[in-house]
Amino acid sequence: MFFLEPARFVKMLTDMAIPLSKKLRLECTFTGAPKMFVTWYKDGKQLYASYRYNTRIIENTCVLECLHECNNETPGKYSCE
């Protein structure tokens, strides 16, 4: 018999600056759950996988990638739950 610990984030997002010529990539690392469902937000609004964003989970890391170079719409407060 084994027990799973509750899911929790162990690597959180930090403030950063990205040059306009680069693509934004954010990562959060979690533990305690074999399968996790993560929702990404920008300025309190939910982000969805689309032509602008790719979201995925790789092992115990959830990733948000902007598919285009940063522009004046990129800055904001990003979070994941």
PDB file of N, CA and C in Angstrom:
ATOM      1  N   MET A   1       0.839  -1.164   0.000  1.00  0.00           N
ATOM      2  CA  MET A   1       0.000   0.000   0.000  1.00  0.00           C
ATOM      3  C   MET A   1       0.895   1.243   0.000  1.00  0.00           C
ATOM      4  N   PHE A   2       0.493   2.258  -0.766  1.00  0.00           N
ATOM      5  CA  PHE A   2       1.233   3.511  -0.774  1.00  0.00           C
ATOM      6  C   PHE A   2       0.253   4.670  -0.800  1.00  0.00           C
ATOM      7  N   PHE A   3       0.708   5.816  -0.369  1.00  0.00           N
ATOM      8  CA  PHE A   3      -0.128   7.002  -0.314  1.00  0.00           C
ATOM      9  C   PHE A   3       0.475   8.068  -1.213  1.00  0.00           C
ATOM     10  N   LEU A   4      -0.388   8.727  -1.958  1.00  0.00           N
ATOM     11  CA  LEU A   4       0.064   9.850  -2.771  1.00  0.00           C
ATOM     12  C   LEU A   4      -0.101  11.137  -1.972  1.00  0.00           C
ATOM     13  N   GLU A   5       0.918  11.957  -2.006  1.00  0.00           N
ATOM     14  CA  GLU A   5       0.797  13.246  -1.339  1.00  0.00           C
ATOM     15  C   GLU A   5      -0.028  14.168  -2.227  1.00  0.00           C
ATOM     16  N   PRO A   6      -0.694  15.160  -1.648  1.00  0.00           N
ATOM     17  CA  PRO A   6      -1.463  16.102  -2.458  1.00  0.00           C
ATOM     18  C   PRO A   6      -0.550  16.842  -3.435  1.00  0.00           C
ATOM     19  N   ALA A   7      -1.095  17.175  -4.579  1.00  0.00           N
ATOM     20  CA  ALA A   7      -0.318  17.924  -5.574  1.00  0.00           C
ATOM     21  C   ALA A   7       0.038  19.298  -5.029  1.00  0.00           C
ATOM     22  N   ARG A   8       1.268  19.727  -5.320  1.00  0.00           N
ATOM     23  CA  ARG A   8       1.693  21.079  -4.938  1.00  0.00           C
ATOM     24  C   ARG A   8       2.806  21.511  -5.877  1.00  0.00           C
ATOM     25  N   PHE A   9       2.919  22.813  -6.059  1.00  0.00           N
ATOM     26  CA  PHE A   9       3.979  23.356  -6.897  1.00  0.00           C
ATOM     27  C   PHE A   9       5.264  23.453  -6.090  1.00  0.00           C
ATOM     28  N   VAL A  10       6.380  23.026  -6.672  1.00  0.00           N
ATOM     29  CA  VAL A  10       7.673  23.119  -5.997  1.00  0.00           C
ATOM     30  C   VAL A  10       8.592  24.130  -6.673  1.00  0.00           C
ATOM     31  N   LYS A  11       8.285  24.518  -7.903  1.00  0.00           N
ATOM     32  CA  LYS A  11       9.008  25.589  -8.595  1.00  0.00           C
ATOM     33  C   LYS A  11       7.965  26.537  -9.149  1.00  0.00           C
ATOM     34  N   MET A  12       7.944  27.738  -8.610  1.00  0.00           N
ATOM     35  CA  MET A  12       6.925  28.724  -8.977  1.00  0.00           C
ATOM     36  C   MET A  12       7.449  29.679 -10.047  1.00  0.00           C
ATOM     37  N   LEU A  13       6.540  30.447 -10.594  1.00  0.00           N
ATOM     38  CA  LEU A  13       6.925  31.484 -11.553  1.00  0.00           C
ATOM     39  C   LEU A  13       7.617  32.625 -10.811  1.00  0.00           C
ATOM     40  N   THR A  14       8.553  33.271 -11.481  1.00  0.00           N
ATOM     41  CA  THR A  14       9.235  34.432 -10.916  1.00  0.00           C
ATOM     42  C   THR A  14       9.152  35.579 -11.916  1.00  0.00           C
ATOM     43  N   ASP A  15       9.334  36.796 -11.440  1.00  0.00           N
ATOM     44  CA  ASP A  15       9.338  37.955 -12.328  1.00  0.00           C
ATOM     45  C   ASP A  15      10.500  37.838 -13.298  1.00  0.00           C
ATOM     46  N   MET A  16      10.246  38.225 -14.550  1.00  0.00           N
ATOM     47  CA  MET A  16      11.304  38.173 -15.551  1.00  0.00           C
ATOM     48  C   MET A  16      11.028  39.182 -16.656  1.00  0.00           C
ATOM     49  N   ALA A  17      12.069  39.491 -17.387  1.00  0.00           N
ATOM     50  CA  ALA A  17      11.969  40.356 -18.561  1.00  0.00           C
ATOM     51  C   ALA A  17      12.470  39.556 -19.759  1.00  0.00           C
ATOM     52  N   ILE A  18      11.713  39.582 -20.839  1.00  0.00           N
ATOM     53  CA  ILE A  18      12.057  38.840 -22.056  1.00  0.00           C
ATOM     54  C   ILE A  18      12.265  39.849 -23.181  1.00  0.00           C
ATOM     55  N   PRO A  19      13.382  39.772 -23.901  1.00  0.00           N
ATOM     56  CA  PRO A  19      13.586  40.672 -25.042  1.00  0.00           C
ATOM     57  C   PRO A  19      12.511  40.457 -26.112  1.00  0.00           C
ATOM     58  N   LEU A  20      12.177  41.511 -26.841  1.00  0.00           N
ATOM     59  CA  LEU A  20      11.143  41.417 -27.870  1.00  0.00           C
ATOM     60  C   LEU A  20      11.480  40.411 -28.967  1.00  0.00           C
ATOM     61  N   SER A  21      12.732  40.113 -29.174  1.00  0.00           N
ATOM     62  CA  SER A  21      13.118  39.180 -30.238  1.00  0.00           C
ATOM     63  C   SER A  21      13.008  37.713 -29.804  1.00  0.00           C
ATOM     64  N   LYS A  22      12.640  37.461 -28.549  1.00  0.00           N
ATOM     65  CA  LYS A  22      12.559  36.092 -28.010  1.00  0.00           C
ATOM     66  C   LYS A  22      11.110  35.656 -27.852  1.00  0.00           C
ATOM     67  N   LYS A  23      10.931  34.350 -27.661  1.00  0.00           N
ATOM     68  CA  LYS A  23       9.606  33.794 -27.384  1.00  0.00           C
ATOM     69  C   LYS A  23       9.507  33.496 -25.891  1.00  0.00           C
ATOM     70  N   LEU A  24       8.360  33.808 -25.318  1.00  0.00           N
ATOM     71  CA  LEU A  24       8.114  33.579 -23.901  1.00  0.00           C
ATOM     72  C   LEU A  24       7.890  32.090 -23.649  1.00  0.00           C
ATOM     73  N   ARG A  25       8.544  31.547 -22.637  1.00  0.00           N
ATOM     74  CA  ARG A  25       8.345  30.156 -22.190  1.00  0.00           C
ATOM     75  C   ARG A  25       8.351  30.183 -20.668  1.00  0.00           C
ATOM     76  N   LEU A  26       7.255  29.725 -20.069  1.00  0.00           N
ATOM     77  CA  LEU A  26       7.119  29.687 -18.627  1.00  0.00           C
ATOM     78  C   LEU A  26       6.974  28.246 -18.170  1.00  0.00           C
ATOM     79  N   GLU A  27       7.549  27.920 -17.008  1.00  0.00           N
ATOM     80  CA  GLU A  27       7.487  26.568 -16.464  1.00  0.00           C
ATOM     81  C   GLU A  27       7.200  26.614 -14.967  1.00  0.00           C
ATOM     82  N   CYS A  28       6.380  25.684 -14.528  1.00  0.00           N
ATOM     83  CA  CYS A  28       6.155  25.443 -13.102  1.00  0.00           C
ATOM     84  C   CYS A  28       6.324  23.951 -12.880  1.00  0.00           C
ATOM     85  N   THR A  29       6.984  23.582 -11.798  1.00  0.00           N
ATOM     86  CA  THR A  29       7.204  22.178 -11.480  1.00  0.00           C
ATOM     87  C   THR A  29       6.337  21.798 -10.284  1.00  0.00           C
ATOM     88  N   PHE A  30       5.736  20.612 -10.359  1.00  0.00           N
ATOM     89  CA  PHE A  30       4.850  20.155  -9.297  1.00  0.00           C
ATOM     90  C   PHE A  30       5.271  18.763  -8.835  1.00  0.00           C
ATOM     91  N   THR A  31       4.707  18.353  -7.710  1.00  0.00           N
ATOM     92  CA  THR A  31       4.958  17.021  -7.168  1.00  0.00           C
ATOM     93  C   THR A  31       3.672  16.499  -6.553  1.00  0.00           C
ATOM     94  N   GLY A  32       3.611  15.188  -6.367  1.00  0.00           N
ATOM     95  CA  GLY A  32       2.516  14.604  -5.605  1.00  0.00           C
ATOM     96  C   GLY A  32       1.351  14.068  -6.392  1.00  0.00           C
ATOM     97  N   ALA A  33       1.330  14.240  -7.685  1.00  0.00           N
ATOM     98  CA  ALA A  33       0.200  13.739  -8.465  1.00  0.00           C
ATOM     99  C   ALA A  33       0.730  13.049  -9.720  1.00  0.00           C
ATOM    100  N   PRO A  34       0.268  11.840  -9.997  1.00  0.00           N
ATOM    101  CA  PRO A  34       0.747  11.162 -11.197  1.00  0.00           C
ATOM    102  C   PRO A  34       0.232  11.826 -12.467  1.00  0.00           C
ATOM    103  N   LYS A  35      -0.944  12.430 -12.412  1.00  0.00           N
ATOM    104  CA  LYS A  35      -1.498  13.139 -13.565  1.00  0.00           C
ATOM    105  C   LYS A  35      -2.107  14.433 -13.054  1.00  0.00           C
ATOM    106  N   MET A  36      -1.722  15.520 -13.669  1.00  0.00           N
ATOM    107  CA  MET A  36      -2.124  16.824 -13.177  1.00  0.00           C
ATOM    108  C   MET A  36      -2.836  17.580 -14.295  1.00  0.00           C
ATOM    109  N   PHE A  37      -3.860  18.322 -13.935  1.00  0.00           N
ATOM    110  CA  PHE A  37      -4.533  19.207 -14.873  1.00  0.00           C
ATOM    111  C   PHE A  37      -4.176  20.632 -14.462  1.00  0.00           C
ATOM    112  N   VAL A  38      -3.614  21.388 -15.375  1.00  0.00           N
ATOM    113  CA  VAL A  38      -3.122  22.731 -15.078  1.00  0.00           C
ATOM    114  C   VAL A  38      -3.846  23.737 -15.961  1.00  0.00           C
ATOM    115  N   THR A  39      -4.208  24.858 -15.371  1.00  0.00           N
ATOM    116  CA  THR A  39      -4.824  25.950 -16.113  1.00  0.00           C
ATOM    117  C   THR A  39      -3.910  27.158 -16.023  1.00  0.00           C
ATOM    118  N   TRP A  40      -3.602  27.765 -17.169  1.00  0.00           N
ATOM    119  CA  TRP A  40      -2.760  28.957 -17.232  1.00  0.00           C
ATOM    120  C   TRP A  40      -3.636  30.197 -17.351  1.00  0.00           C
ATOM    121  N   TYR A  41      -3.164  31.293 -16.739  1.00  0.00           N
ATOM    122  CA  TYR A  41      -3.882  32.565 -16.771  1.00  0.00           C
ATOM    123  C   TYR A  41      -2.914  33.699 -17.107  1.00  0.00           C
ATOM    124  N   LYS A  42      -3.454  34.706 -17.773  1.00  0.00           N
ATOM    125  CA  LYS A  42      -2.721  35.960 -17.986  1.00  0.00           C
ATOM    126  C   LYS A  42      -3.646  37.081 -17.547  1.00  0.00           C
ATOM    127  N   ASP A  43      -3.178  37.859 -16.586  1.00  0.00           N
ATOM    128  CA  ASP A  43      -3.966  38.962 -16.029  1.00  0.00           C
ATOM    129  C   ASP A  43      -5.356  38.495 -15.599  1.00  0.00           C
ATOM    130  N   GLY A  44      -5.424  37.294 -15.012  1.00  0.00           N
ATOM    131  CA  GLY A  44      -6.673  36.764 -14.487  1.00  0.00           C
ATOM    132  C   GLY A  44      -7.575  36.092 -15.508  1.00  0.00           C
ATOM    133  N   LYS A  45      -7.213  36.115 -16.792  1.00  0.00           N
ATOM    134  CA  LYS A  45      -8.032  35.492 -17.837  1.00  0.00           C
ATOM    135  C   LYS A  45      -7.393  34.186 -18.272  1.00  0.00           C
ATOM    136  N   GLN A  46      -8.222  33.152 -18.390  1.00  0.00           N
ATOM    137  CA  GLN A  46      -7.704  31.834 -18.736  1.00  0.00           C
ATOM    138  C   GLN A  46      -7.121  31.824 -20.146  1.00  0.00           C
ATOM    139  N   LEU A  47      -5.962  31.162 -20.281  1.00  0.00           N
ATOM    140  CA  LEU A  47      -5.324  30.983 -21.583  1.00  0.00           C
ATOM    141  C   LEU A  47      -5.608  29.580 -22.082  1.00  0.00           C
ATOM    142  N   TYR A  48      -5.795  29.457 -23.382  1.00  0.00           N
ATOM    143  CA  TYR A  48      -6.050  28.170 -24.007  1.00  0.00           C
ATOM    144  C   TYR A  48      -4.997  27.909 -25.063  1.00  0.00           C
ATOM    145  N   ALA A  49      -4.722  26.642 -25.321  1.00  0.00           N
ATOM    146  CA  ALA A  49      -3.835  26.295 -26.425  1.00  0.00           C
ATOM    147  C   ALA A  49      -4.477  26.833 -27.705  1.00  0.00           C
ATOM    148  N   SER A  50      -3.680  27.546 -28.505  1.00  0.00           N
ATOM    149  CA  SER A  50      -4.211  28.196 -29.701  1.00  0.00           C
ATOM    150  C   SER A  50      -3.057  28.524 -30.637  1.00  0.00           C
ATOM    151  N   TYR A  51      -3.323  29.362 -31.625  1.00  0.00           N
ATOM    152  CA  TYR A  51      -2.266  29.805 -32.527  1.00  0.00           C
ATOM    153  C   TYR A  51      -1.252  30.699 -31.804  1.00  0.00           C
ATOM    154  N   ARG A  52      -1.617  31.215 -30.628  1.00  0.00           N
ATOM    155  CA  ARG A  52      -0.701  32.077 -29.863  1.00  0.00           C
ATOM    156  C   ARG A  52       0.055  31.333 -28.774  1.00  0.00           C
ATOM    157  N   TYR A  53      -0.590  30.340 -28.145  1.00  0.00           N
ATOM    158  CA  TYR A  53      -0.012  29.662 -26.987  1.00  0.00           C
ATOM    159  C   TYR A  53      -0.049  28.138 -27.147  1.00  0.00           C
ATOM    160  N   ASN A  54       0.960  27.500 -26.608  1.00  0.00           N
ATOM    161  CA  ASN A  54       0.984  26.051 -26.498  1.00  0.00           C
ATOM    162  C   ASN A  54       1.121  25.722 -25.019  1.00  0.00           C
ATOM    163  N   THR A  55       0.277  24.855 -24.519  1.00  0.00           N
ATOM    164  CA  THR A  55       0.362  24.424 -23.133  1.00  0.00           C
ATOM    165  C   THR A  55       0.567  22.916 -23.128  1.00  0.00           C
ATOM    166  N   ARG A  56       1.418  22.457 -22.218  1.00  0.00           N
ATOM    167  CA  ARG A  56       1.647  21.019 -22.111  1.00  0.00           C
ATOM    168  C   ARG A  56       2.244  20.679 -20.761  1.00  0.00           C
ATOM    169  N   ILE A  57       2.207  19.396 -20.460  1.00  0.00           N
ATOM    170  CA  ILE A  57       2.822  18.879 -19.247  1.00  0.00           C
ATOM    171  C   ILE A  57       3.860  17.854 -19.661  1.00  0.00           C
ATOM    172  N   ILE A  58       5.086  18.058 -19.200  1.00  0.00           N
ATOM    173  CA  ILE A  58       6.200  17.155 -19.480  1.00  0.00           C
ATOM    174  C   ILE A  58       6.657  16.611 -18.131  1.00  0.00           C
ATOM    175  N   GLU A  59       6.360  15.340 -17.895  1.00  0.00           N
ATOM    176  CA  GLU A  59       6.649  14.686 -16.608  1.00  0.00           C
ATOM    177  C   GLU A  59       6.023  15.483 -15.478  1.00  0.00           C
ATOM    178  N   ASN A  60       6.800  16.168 -14.656  1.00  0.00           N
ATOM    179  CA  ASN A  60       6.233  16.923 -13.536  1.00  0.00           C
ATOM    180  C   ASN A  60       6.382  18.435 -13.720  1.00  0.00           C
ATOM    181  N   THR A  61       6.437  18.874 -14.976  1.00  0.00           N
ATOM    182  CA  THR A  61       6.569  20.291 -15.286  1.00  0.00           C
ATOM    183  C   THR A  61       5.467  20.717 -16.248  1.00  0.00           C
ATOM    184  N   CYS A  62       4.761  21.788 -15.890  1.00  0.00           N
ATOM    185  CA  CYS A  62       3.767  22.341 -16.801  1.00  0.00           C
ATOM    186  C   CYS A  62       4.400  23.535 -17.515  1.00  0.00           C
ATOM    187  N   VAL A  63       4.139  23.627 -18.821  1.00  0.00           N
ATOM    188  CA  VAL A  63       4.824  24.593 -19.678  1.00  0.00           C
ATOM    189  C   VAL A  63       3.800  25.432 -20.439  1.00  0.00           C
ATOM    190  N   LEU A  64       4.061  26.726 -20.510  1.00  0.00           N
ATOM    191  CA  LEU A  64       3.321  27.645 -21.371  1.00  0.00           C
ATOM    192  C   LEU A  64       4.321  28.256 -22.326  1.00  0.00           C
ATOM    193  N   GLU A  65       4.077  28.125 -23.624  1.00  0.00           N
ATOM    194  CA  GLU A  65       4.960  28.701 -24.636  1.00  0.00           C
ATOM    195  C   GLU A  65       4.166  29.633 -25.527  1.00  0.00           C
ATOM    196  N   CYS A  66       4.688  30.838 -25.736  1.00  0.00           N
ATOM    197  CA  CYS A  66       4.132  31.724 -26.751  1.00  0.00           C
ATOM    198  C   CYS A  66       4.718  31.284 -28.084  1.00  0.00           C
ATOM    199  N   LEU A  67       3.887  31.140 -29.074  1.00  0.00           N
ATOM    200  CA  LEU A  67       4.342  30.628 -30.361  1.00  0.00           C
ATOM    201  C   LEU A  67       4.894  31.716 -31.274  1.00  0.00           C
ATOM    202  N   HIS A  68       4.807  32.957 -30.836  1.00  0.00           N
ATOM    203  CA  HIS A  68       5.324  34.084 -31.606  1.00  0.00           C
ATOM    204  C   HIS A  68       6.290  34.883 -30.733  1.00  0.00           C
ATOM    205  N   GLU A  69       7.121  35.683 -31.349  1.00  0.00           N
ATOM    206  CA  GLU A  69       8.039  36.534 -30.588  1.00  0.00           C
ATOM    207  C   GLU A  69       7.248  37.508 -29.728  1.00  0.00           C
ATOM    208  N   CYS A  70       7.851  37.922 -28.627  1.00  0.00           N
ATOM    209  CA  CYS A  70       7.206  38.865 -27.712  1.00  0.00           C
ATOM    210  C   CYS A  70       6.884  40.171 -28.434  1.00  0.00           C
ATOM    211  N   ASN A  71       5.777  40.793 -28.024  1.00  0.00           N
ATOM    212  CA  ASN A  71       5.396  42.104 -28.554  1.00  0.00           C
ATOM    213  C   ASN A  71       4.756  42.900 -27.418  1.00  0.00           C
ATOM    214  N   ASN A  72       4.122  44.010 -27.739  1.00  0.00           N
ATOM    215  CA  ASN A  72       3.575  44.863 -26.686  1.00  0.00           C
ATOM    216  C   ASN A  72       2.371  44.242 -25.968  1.00  0.00           C
ATOM    217  N   GLU A  73       1.835  43.129 -26.478  1.00  0.00           N
ATOM    218  CA  GLU A  73       0.733  42.431 -25.811  1.00  0.00           C
ATOM    219  C   GLU A  73       1.223  41.334 -24.864  1.00  0.00           C
ATOM    220  N   THR A  74       2.510  41.027 -24.894  1.00  0.00           N
ATOM    221  CA  THR A  74       3.061  39.924 -24.095  1.00  0.00           C
ATOM    222  C   THR A  74       3.140  40.228 -22.602  1.00  0.00           C
ATOM    223  N   PRO A  75       3.542  41.432 -22.174  1.00  0.00           N
ATOM    224  CA  PRO A  75       3.674  41.675 -20.738  1.00  0.00           C
ATOM    225  C   PRO A  75       2.357  41.477 -19.991  1.00  0.00           C
ATOM    226  N   GLY A  76       2.464  40.985 -18.765  1.00  0.00           N
ATOM    227  CA  GLY A  76       1.285  40.798 -17.932  1.00  0.00           C
ATOM    228  C   GLY A  76       1.631  39.928 -16.749  1.00  0.00           C
ATOM    229  N   LYS A  77       0.632  39.592 -15.979  1.00  0.00           N
ATOM    230  CA  LYS A  77       0.818  38.714 -14.822  1.00  0.00           C
ATOM    231  C   LYS A  77       0.320  37.323 -15.211  1.00  0.00           C
ATOM    232  N   TYR A  78       1.251  36.398 -15.328  1.00  0.00           N
ATOM    233  CA  TYR A  78       0.944  35.019 -15.696  1.00  0.00           C
ATOM    234  C   TYR A  78       0.897  34.166 -14.440  1.00  0.00           C
ATOM    235  N   SER A  79       0.003  33.187 -14.435  1.00  0.00           N
ATOM    236  CA  SER A  79      -0.070  32.259 -13.304  1.00  0.00           C
ATOM    237  C   SER A  79      -0.621  30.924 -13.790  1.00  0.00           C
ATOM    238  N   CYS A  80      -0.411  29.900 -12.969  1.00  0.00           N
ATOM    239  CA  CYS A  80      -0.994  28.598 -13.285  1.00  0.00           C
ATOM    240  C   CYS A  80      -1.560  28.003 -12.016  1.00  0.00           C
ATOM    241  N   GLU A  81      -2.620  27.227 -12.178  1.00  0.00           N
ATOM    242  CA  GLU A  81      -3.286  26.554 -11.055  1.00  0.00           C
ATOM    243  C   GLU A  81      -3.485  25.099 -11.409  1.00  0.00           C
TER     244      GLU A  81
END
